[in-house]
Protein backbone atom coordinates (compact mmCIF):
# COMPACT_ATOMS: atom_id res chain seq x y z
CA MET A 1 2.02 18.89 19.08
CA GLN A 2 0.26 16.30 21.19
CA GLY A 3 -1.90 16.95 24.23
CA ASN A 4 -2.35 20.40 25.71
CA GLY A 5 0.16 22.21 23.55
CA ILE A 6 0.38 24.65 20.69
CA GLU A 7 3.19 25.20 18.21
CA ILE A 8 3.72 28.61 16.62
CA ARG A 9 6.03 29.61 13.77
CA TRP A 10 6.99 33.26 13.23
CA HIS A 11 8.13 34.68 9.89
CA GLY A 12 9.73 38.12 9.81
CA ARG A 13 12.76 40.03 8.61
CA GLY A 14 15.88 40.74 10.64
CA GLY A 15 15.34 43.80 12.83
CA GLN A 16 11.52 43.64 12.94
CA GLY A 17 11.33 41.89 16.29
CA ALA A 18 9.88 38.47 15.32
CA LYS A 19 12.55 36.72 17.39
CA THR A 20 11.94 39.12 20.31
CA ALA A 21 8.18 38.53 20.11
CA ALA A 22 8.68 34.73 20.19
CA LEU A 23 10.97 35.04 23.23
CA LEU A 24 8.56 37.44 24.98
CA LEU A 25 5.66 35.05 24.37
CA ALA A 26 7.69 32.19 25.87
CA ASP A 27 8.59 34.36 28.85
CA VAL A 28 5.05 35.53 29.59
CA CYS A 29 3.61 31.99 29.23
CA PHE A 30 6.34 30.59 31.49
CA LYS A 31 5.35 33.09 34.19
CA THR A 32 1.82 31.68 34.15
CA GLY A 33 3.07 28.14 34.78
CA ALA A 34 3.22 26.76 31.23
CA TYR A 35 6.07 24.72 29.80
CA VAL A 36 7.58 26.75 26.98
CA GLN A 37 10.15 26.93 24.23
CA GLY A 38 11.00 30.06 22.27
CA PHE A 39 13.85 29.95 19.78
CA PRO A 40 14.97 31.40 16.45
CA GLU A 41 16.23 29.47 13.45
CA TYR A 42 19.58 31.00 12.73
CA GLY A 43 20.42 31.73 9.14
CA PRO A 44 22.19 34.82 7.84
CA GLU A 45 21.45 37.38 10.57
CA ARG A 46 21.19 40.48 8.42
CA MET A 47 18.86 43.40 8.74
CA GLY A 48 15.99 42.71 6.37
CA ALA A 49 16.87 39.03 5.76
CA PRO A 50 13.99 36.56 6.27
CA ILE A 51 14.09 34.96 9.71
CA THR A 52 12.04 32.27 11.41
CA ALA A 53 11.33 31.85 15.10
CA PHE A 54 9.31 29.27 17.00
CA ASN A 55 7.25 28.72 20.15
CA ARG A 56 6.04 25.59 21.85
CA ILE A 57 3.66 26.20 24.74
CA SER A 58 2.14 23.39 26.76
CA LYS A 59 0.60 22.51 30.11
CA ASP A 60 2.67 19.32 29.97
CA GLU A 61 6.44 18.93 29.90
CA ILE A 62 7.83 19.42 26.38
CA ARG A 63 10.16 16.63 25.28
CA VAL A 64 10.63 17.67 21.64
CA HIS A 65 13.61 19.87 20.74
CA SER A 66 13.40 20.25 16.96
CA ASN A 67 12.20 22.98 14.64
CA ILE A 68 8.44 23.13 14.12
CA TYR A 69 7.26 21.63 10.85
CA THR A 70 3.48 21.42 11.38
CA PRO A 71 2.55 24.56 13.34
CA ASP A 72 -0.89 25.28 14.75
CA LEU A 73 -0.37 29.00 14.18
CA VAL A 74 1.81 31.01 11.81
CA VAL A 75 2.53 34.70 12.45
CA VAL A 76 3.80 36.72 9.46
CA VAL A 77 5.38 39.97 10.65
CA ASP A 78 6.23 41.20 7.13
CA GLU A 79 3.62 40.92 4.38
CA SER A 80 6.30 40.97 1.64
CA LEU A 81 7.38 37.48 2.76
CA LEU A 82 4.11 36.04 1.39
CA THR A 83 5.57 36.10 -2.12
CA SER A 84 9.07 34.84 -1.25
CA VAL A 85 8.60 32.32 1.59
CA ASP A 86 6.11 29.44 1.80
CA VAL A 87 4.63 30.67 5.07
CA THR A 88 1.82 28.08 5.05
CA SER A 89 4.21 25.11 4.70
CA GLY A 90 3.01 22.41 7.12
CA LEU A 91 0.39 24.72 8.67
CA LYS A 92 -2.50 22.65 10.01
CA GLU A 93 -5.82 23.26 8.24
CA GLU A 94 -7.50 23.52 11.67
CA GLY A 95 -4.87 26.10 12.63
CA ALA A 96 -4.63 29.76 11.68
CA ILE A 97 -2.35 32.35 10.12
CA ILE A 98 -2.01 36.01 11.15
CA VAL A 99 -0.53 38.48 8.65
CA ASN A 100 0.66 42.01 9.38
CA THR A 101 -1.09 43.96 6.62
CA PRO A 102 -3.66 46.73 6.15
CA LYS A 103 -5.49 44.36 3.75
CA SER A 104 -8.41 42.13 4.69
CA ALA A 105 -8.17 38.37 5.18
CA ASP A 106 -10.03 37.88 1.85
CA GLU A 107 -7.45 40.02 0.03
CA ILE A 108 -4.55 38.03 1.55
CA ARG A 109 -6.00 34.53 1.05
CA PRO A 110 -5.01 34.26 -2.68
CA LEU A 111 -1.33 34.61 -1.63
CA LEU A 112 -1.54 31.66 0.79
CA LYS A 113 -1.04 28.80 -1.68
CA GLY A 114 -4.53 27.35 -1.26
CA TYR A 115 -4.55 27.39 2.55
CA THR A 116 -8.16 26.92 3.66
CA GLY A 117 -7.83 27.47 7.43
CA ARG A 118 -8.50 30.63 9.42
CA VAL A 119 -6.80 33.83 8.22
CA TYR A 120 -6.48 36.97 10.36
CA THR A 121 -4.95 40.32 9.46
CA VAL A 122 -3.57 43.01 11.75
CA ASP A 123 -2.35 46.44 10.66
CA ALA A 124 0.65 46.46 12.99
CA ARG A 125 2.13 49.52 11.28
CA LYS A 126 -0.96 51.65 11.92
CA ILE A 127 -1.27 50.40 15.52
CA SER A 128 2.39 50.84 16.45
CA VAL A 129 2.73 54.27 14.83
CA GLU A 130 -0.40 55.45 16.66
CA ALA A 131 0.64 53.90 20.00
CA LEU A 132 4.44 54.32 19.90
CA GLY A 133 5.07 57.00 17.29
CA LYS A 134 7.30 54.56 15.36
CA TYR A 135 6.96 51.33 13.43
CA PHE A 136 7.62 48.43 15.80
CA PRO A 137 5.47 45.51 14.60
CA ASN A 138 6.42 43.04 17.33
CA SER A 139 4.10 44.26 20.13
CA PRO A 140 0.95 44.20 17.96
CA MET A 141 1.89 40.83 16.43
CA LEU A 142 2.62 39.38 19.88
CA ALA A 143 -0.85 40.47 21.08
CA ALA A 144 -2.38 39.03 17.89
CA ALA A 145 -0.68 35.67 18.50
CA VAL A 146 -2.10 35.54 22.05
CA ALA A 147 -5.58 36.66 20.92
CA VAL A 148 -5.82 34.04 18.16
CA SER A 149 -4.07 31.14 19.94
CA LYS A 150 -5.83 31.79 23.27
CA VAL A 151 -2.71 30.56 25.14
CA MET A 152 -3.84 32.84 27.96
CA GLU A 153 -6.65 35.21 28.83
CA ARG A 154 -6.32 38.82 27.70
CA ASP A 155 -6.30 40.24 31.25
CA GLU A 156 -3.60 37.85 32.41
CA PHE A 157 -1.47 38.58 29.33
CA ILE A 158 -1.86 42.36 29.69
CA SER A 159 -0.92 42.27 33.36
CA GLU A 160 2.14 40.03 32.75
CA MET A 161 3.30 42.26 29.88
CA GLN A 162 2.86 45.38 32.04
CA ALA A 163 5.14 43.81 34.68
CA SER A 164 7.64 42.72 32.03
CA TYR A 165 7.78 46.17 30.38
CA GLU A 166 8.03 47.92 33.77
CA HIS A 167 11.05 45.77 34.59
CA LYS A 168 12.65 46.25 31.17
CA PHE A 169 11.88 49.95 30.62
CA ALA A 170 11.84 51.24 34.21
CA LYS A 171 13.32 54.59 33.17
CA LYS A 172 11.14 55.00 30.07
CA PRO A 173 7.48 55.21 31.14
CA GLU A 174 6.47 56.45 27.68
CA VAL A 175 7.76 53.18 26.14
CA ILE A 176 5.76 51.13 28.65
CA GLU A 177 2.63 53.17 27.99
CA GLY A 178 3.04 52.99 24.19
CA ASN A 179 3.59 49.23 24.17
CA MET A 180 0.62 48.61 26.48
CA LYS A 181 -1.55 50.77 24.22
CA ALA A 182 -0.37 48.78 21.16
CA LEU A 183 -1.23 45.45 22.85
CA ASN A 184 -4.71 46.63 23.83
CA MET A 185 -5.41 48.20 20.43
CA THR A 186 -4.52 44.90 18.73
CA PHE A 187 -6.84 42.89 20.97
CA ASP A 188 -9.62 45.42 20.33
CA ALA A 189 -9.06 45.33 16.55
CA LEU A 190 -9.18 41.53 16.45
CA THR A 191 -12.16 41.32 18.79
CA GLU A 192 -14.15 43.77 16.66
CA GLY A 193 -12.87 42.91 13.20
CA ALA A 194 -12.40 39.13 13.40
CA GLY A 195 -14.93 38.35 16.09
CA LEU A 196 -12.45 36.73 18.49
């Protein structure tokens, strides 16, 4: 993407929240004054089927309305997709990929078809189970996308997400608290582990 923008491609499986994370990212960036797009690529919408979602985020008006073929950032919500989907297809070498896995970046790199750019890993299962008591990978992976892409500052993102969750889960304070904990834990893990 030209100018002040970033293009992100999400890979996940139906029901894991990749589409929701892409739409949430678009929403939170829009609230801070950015031009945004957040959209899924619709294929067979089955639980567990591979799905793709996209974000364009820019300080300038976005005039492109196609899928994203040369992303700056790829977010892989399900590690098993590394062996069945070419997740690095078109990914810019100066870009980055984030994979939801307990493994290290060095352990994941051999599965990335020779990709030589930056590789980050996040154990979204561990984080979400600890923060929410269940496996919901989308909050940790959303925080990881913001941390790596730097589309906004951590404090601004956390405060916008707090407002968004309070609106969405007004009657479920434990859900708000769990999601906020997951977002912060992910930022902390990436700051310490990957030096962001």
